[in-house]
């Protein structure tokens, strides 16, 4: 369930400079906004700002949190810790879609800060306490 952050009363957003790496290994800096709304407690969004328009990805918060220390992910999203060419700790996020793929890396410190802010709102393991099952069923049935 994708929540509009404008309707979410408590949310976390953080802008991070991400390095986008192309197939030739060349990189360019993209501004990315990470977002989290406790109304959709299992998900985070990454909005990549580009000249051609914003690109939004939604994926599991748990993937981002676990990817800080270990390689994780199956399917469309993979996350793993790494060192950049200058020896700084980064987190790499690889996103796949039918239209192509995107490989970005961001500061481990900044991504950890974002994840910790989300965990302060909804601790890991307590996400199901935030889900309103009746509201979800009503949305699915179009009521």
Protein backbone atom coordinates (compact mmCIF):
# COMPACT_ATOMS: atom_id res chain seq x y z
CA UNK A 1 0.00 0.00 0.00
CA UNK A 2 1.64 3.25 -1.12
CA UNK A 3 0.76 6.13 1.18
CA UNK A 4 0.84 9.75 0.08
CA UNK A 5 3.28 11.39 2.50
CA UNK A 6 1.03 14.46 2.55
CA UNK A 7 -1.66 12.40 4.31
CA UNK A 8 0.78 10.64 6.64
CA UNK A 9 0.90 12.55 9.92
CA UNK A 10 4.32 11.30 11.00
CA UNK A 11 6.83 10.51 8.32
CA UNK A 12 10.56 10.49 7.80
CA UNK A 13 12.24 11.94 4.74
CA UNK A 14 15.91 12.46 4.08
CA UNK A 15 17.68 13.74 1.00
CA UNK A 16 20.88 11.90 0.18
CA UNK A 17 23.40 12.38 -2.61
CA UNK A 18 23.62 9.04 -4.40
CA UNK A 19 26.19 8.06 -6.99
CA UNK A 20 24.55 6.45 -10.01
CA UNK A 21 26.90 4.01 -11.72
CA UNK A 22 26.29 3.21 -15.40
CA UNK A 23 27.18 0.03 -17.28
CA UNK A 24 30.60 1.44 -18.16
CA UNK A 25 31.42 2.11 -14.50
CA UNK A 26 31.06 5.88 -14.85
CA UNK A 27 29.15 7.65 -12.13
CA UNK A 28 27.10 10.78 -11.71
CA UNK A 29 25.54 12.23 -8.60
CA UNK A 30 21.76 12.02 -8.21
CA UNK A 31 19.73 13.60 -5.45
CA UNK A 32 17.57 10.95 -3.83
CA UNK A 33 14.89 11.40 -1.24
CA UNK A 34 14.33 8.46 1.06
CA UNK A 35 10.90 8.34 2.63
CA UNK A 36 9.07 6.33 5.26
CA UNK A 37 5.49 6.50 6.51
CA UNK A 38 4.39 4.42 9.51
CA UNK A 39 1.02 3.87 7.81
CA UNK A 40 2.91 1.57 5.41
CA UNK A 41 5.39 0.27 8.01
CA UNK A 42 7.11 -2.37 5.91
CA UNK A 43 8.10 -0.08 3.03
CA UNK A 44 10.50 2.73 2.21
CA UNK A 45 10.52 4.83 -0.92
CA UNK A 46 13.46 6.16 -2.85
CA UNK A 47 12.69 9.06 -5.17
CA UNK A 48 15.51 9.75 -7.58
CA UNK A 49 15.52 13.28 -8.97
CA UNK A 50 16.57 13.40 -12.62
CA UNK A 51 16.32 15.89 -15.47
CA UNK A 52 13.82 13.56 -17.17
CA UNK A 53 11.56 13.46 -14.10
CA UNK A 54 11.42 11.78 -10.73
CA UNK A 55 11.79 8.01 -10.53
CA UNK A 56 10.11 6.41 -7.51
CA UNK A 57 10.93 2.96 -6.11
CA UNK A 58 9.21 1.35 -3.15
CA UNK A 59 10.78 -1.62 -1.45
CA UNK A 60 11.05 -3.33 1.94
CA UNK A 61 12.53 -1.32 4.80
CA UNK A 62 14.02 -4.57 6.06
CA UNK A 63 16.09 -4.89 2.85
CA UNK A 64 17.61 -1.46 3.39
CA UNK A 65 18.28 -2.13 7.08
CA UNK A 66 19.83 -5.57 6.54
CA UNK A 67 21.79 -4.34 3.51
CA UNK A 68 23.76 -2.01 5.78
CA UNK A 69 25.79 -5.00 7.01
CA UNK A 70 25.13 -7.95 4.68
CA UNK A 71 24.21 -8.56 1.03
CA UNK A 72 20.44 -9.08 0.74
CA UNK A 73 17.74 -9.22 -1.86
CA UNK A 74 16.10 -11.44 -4.40
CA UNK A 75 14.26 -10.29 -7.46
CA UNK A 76 14.09 -6.60 -8.30
CA UNK A 77 16.03 -5.12 -5.37
CA UNK A 78 19.48 -6.02 -4.04
CA UNK A 79 21.34 -4.13 -1.30
CA UNK A 80 24.85 -4.63 0.04
CA UNK A 81 27.61 -2.83 1.96
CA UNK A 82 30.79 -1.88 0.15
CA UNK A 83 33.68 0.59 0.05
CA UNK A 84 33.82 3.26 -2.66
CA UNK A 85 36.97 4.04 -4.65
CA UNK A 86 38.12 6.37 -1.85
CA UNK A 87 37.68 3.70 0.85
CA UNK A 88 34.50 5.23 2.34
CA UNK A 89 31.72 2.95 3.53
CA UNK A 90 28.77 2.96 1.14
CA UNK A 91 25.60 1.00 0.62
CA UNK A 92 24.89 -0.17 -2.90
CA UNK A 93 21.30 -0.49 -4.07
CA UNK A 94 20.62 -2.30 -7.33
CA UNK A 95 17.14 -1.92 -8.79
CA UNK A 96 15.75 -3.92 -11.73
CA UNK A 97 12.64 -3.31 -13.82
CA UNK A 98 11.47 -4.33 -17.28
CA UNK A 99 12.68 -0.91 -18.50
CA UNK A 100 16.22 -1.38 -17.20
CA UNK A 101 18.29 -1.30 -14.07
CA UNK A 102 19.77 1.28 -11.78
CA UNK A 103 22.83 0.88 -9.55
CA UNK A 104 23.32 3.58 -6.94
CA UNK A 105 25.53 3.96 -3.91
CA UNK A 106 25.06 6.20 -0.90
CA UNK A 107 26.90 6.96 2.30
CA UNK A 108 26.48 4.21 4.88
CA UNK A 109 26.36 6.90 7.57
CA UNK A 110 23.48 8.75 5.88
CA UNK A 111 21.48 5.62 5.09
CA UNK A 112 22.00 4.32 8.64
CA UNK A 113 20.74 7.66 9.96
CA UNK A 114 17.59 7.33 7.83
CA UNK A 115 16.97 3.70 8.86
CA UNK A 116 17.44 4.57 12.55
CA UNK A 117 14.90 7.40 12.24
CA UNK A 118 12.35 4.96 10.76
CA UNK A 119 13.04 2.44 13.52
CA UNK A 120 12.43 5.14 16.13
CA UNK A 121 8.89 5.53 14.71
CA UNK A 122 8.17 1.82 14.23
CA UNK A 123 10.66 -0.62 15.75
CA UNK A 124 11.52 -3.76 13.76
CA UNK A 125 9.10 -6.55 14.58
CA UNK A 126 6.28 -4.17 15.52
CA UNK A 127 5.22 -3.26 11.98
CA UNK A 128 2.09 -5.43 12.13
CA UNK A 129 0.84 -3.35 15.08
CA UNK A 130 0.58 -0.38 12.69
CA UNK A 131 -1.40 -2.11 9.95
CA UNK A 132 -5.16 -1.47 10.03
CA UNK A 133 -6.44 -4.71 8.48
CA UNK A 134 -10.04 -3.47 8.22
CA UNK A 135 -8.91 -0.35 6.34
CA UNK A 136 -6.73 -2.45 4.06
CA UNK A 137 -9.63 -4.78 3.23
CA UNK A 138 -11.88 -1.79 2.55
CA UNK A 139 -9.26 -0.37 0.17
CA UNK A 140 -8.86 -3.68 -1.63
CA UNK A 141 -12.62 -4.07 -2.03
CA UNK A 142 -13.05 -0.46 -3.11
CA UNK A 143 -15.38 0.36 -0.22
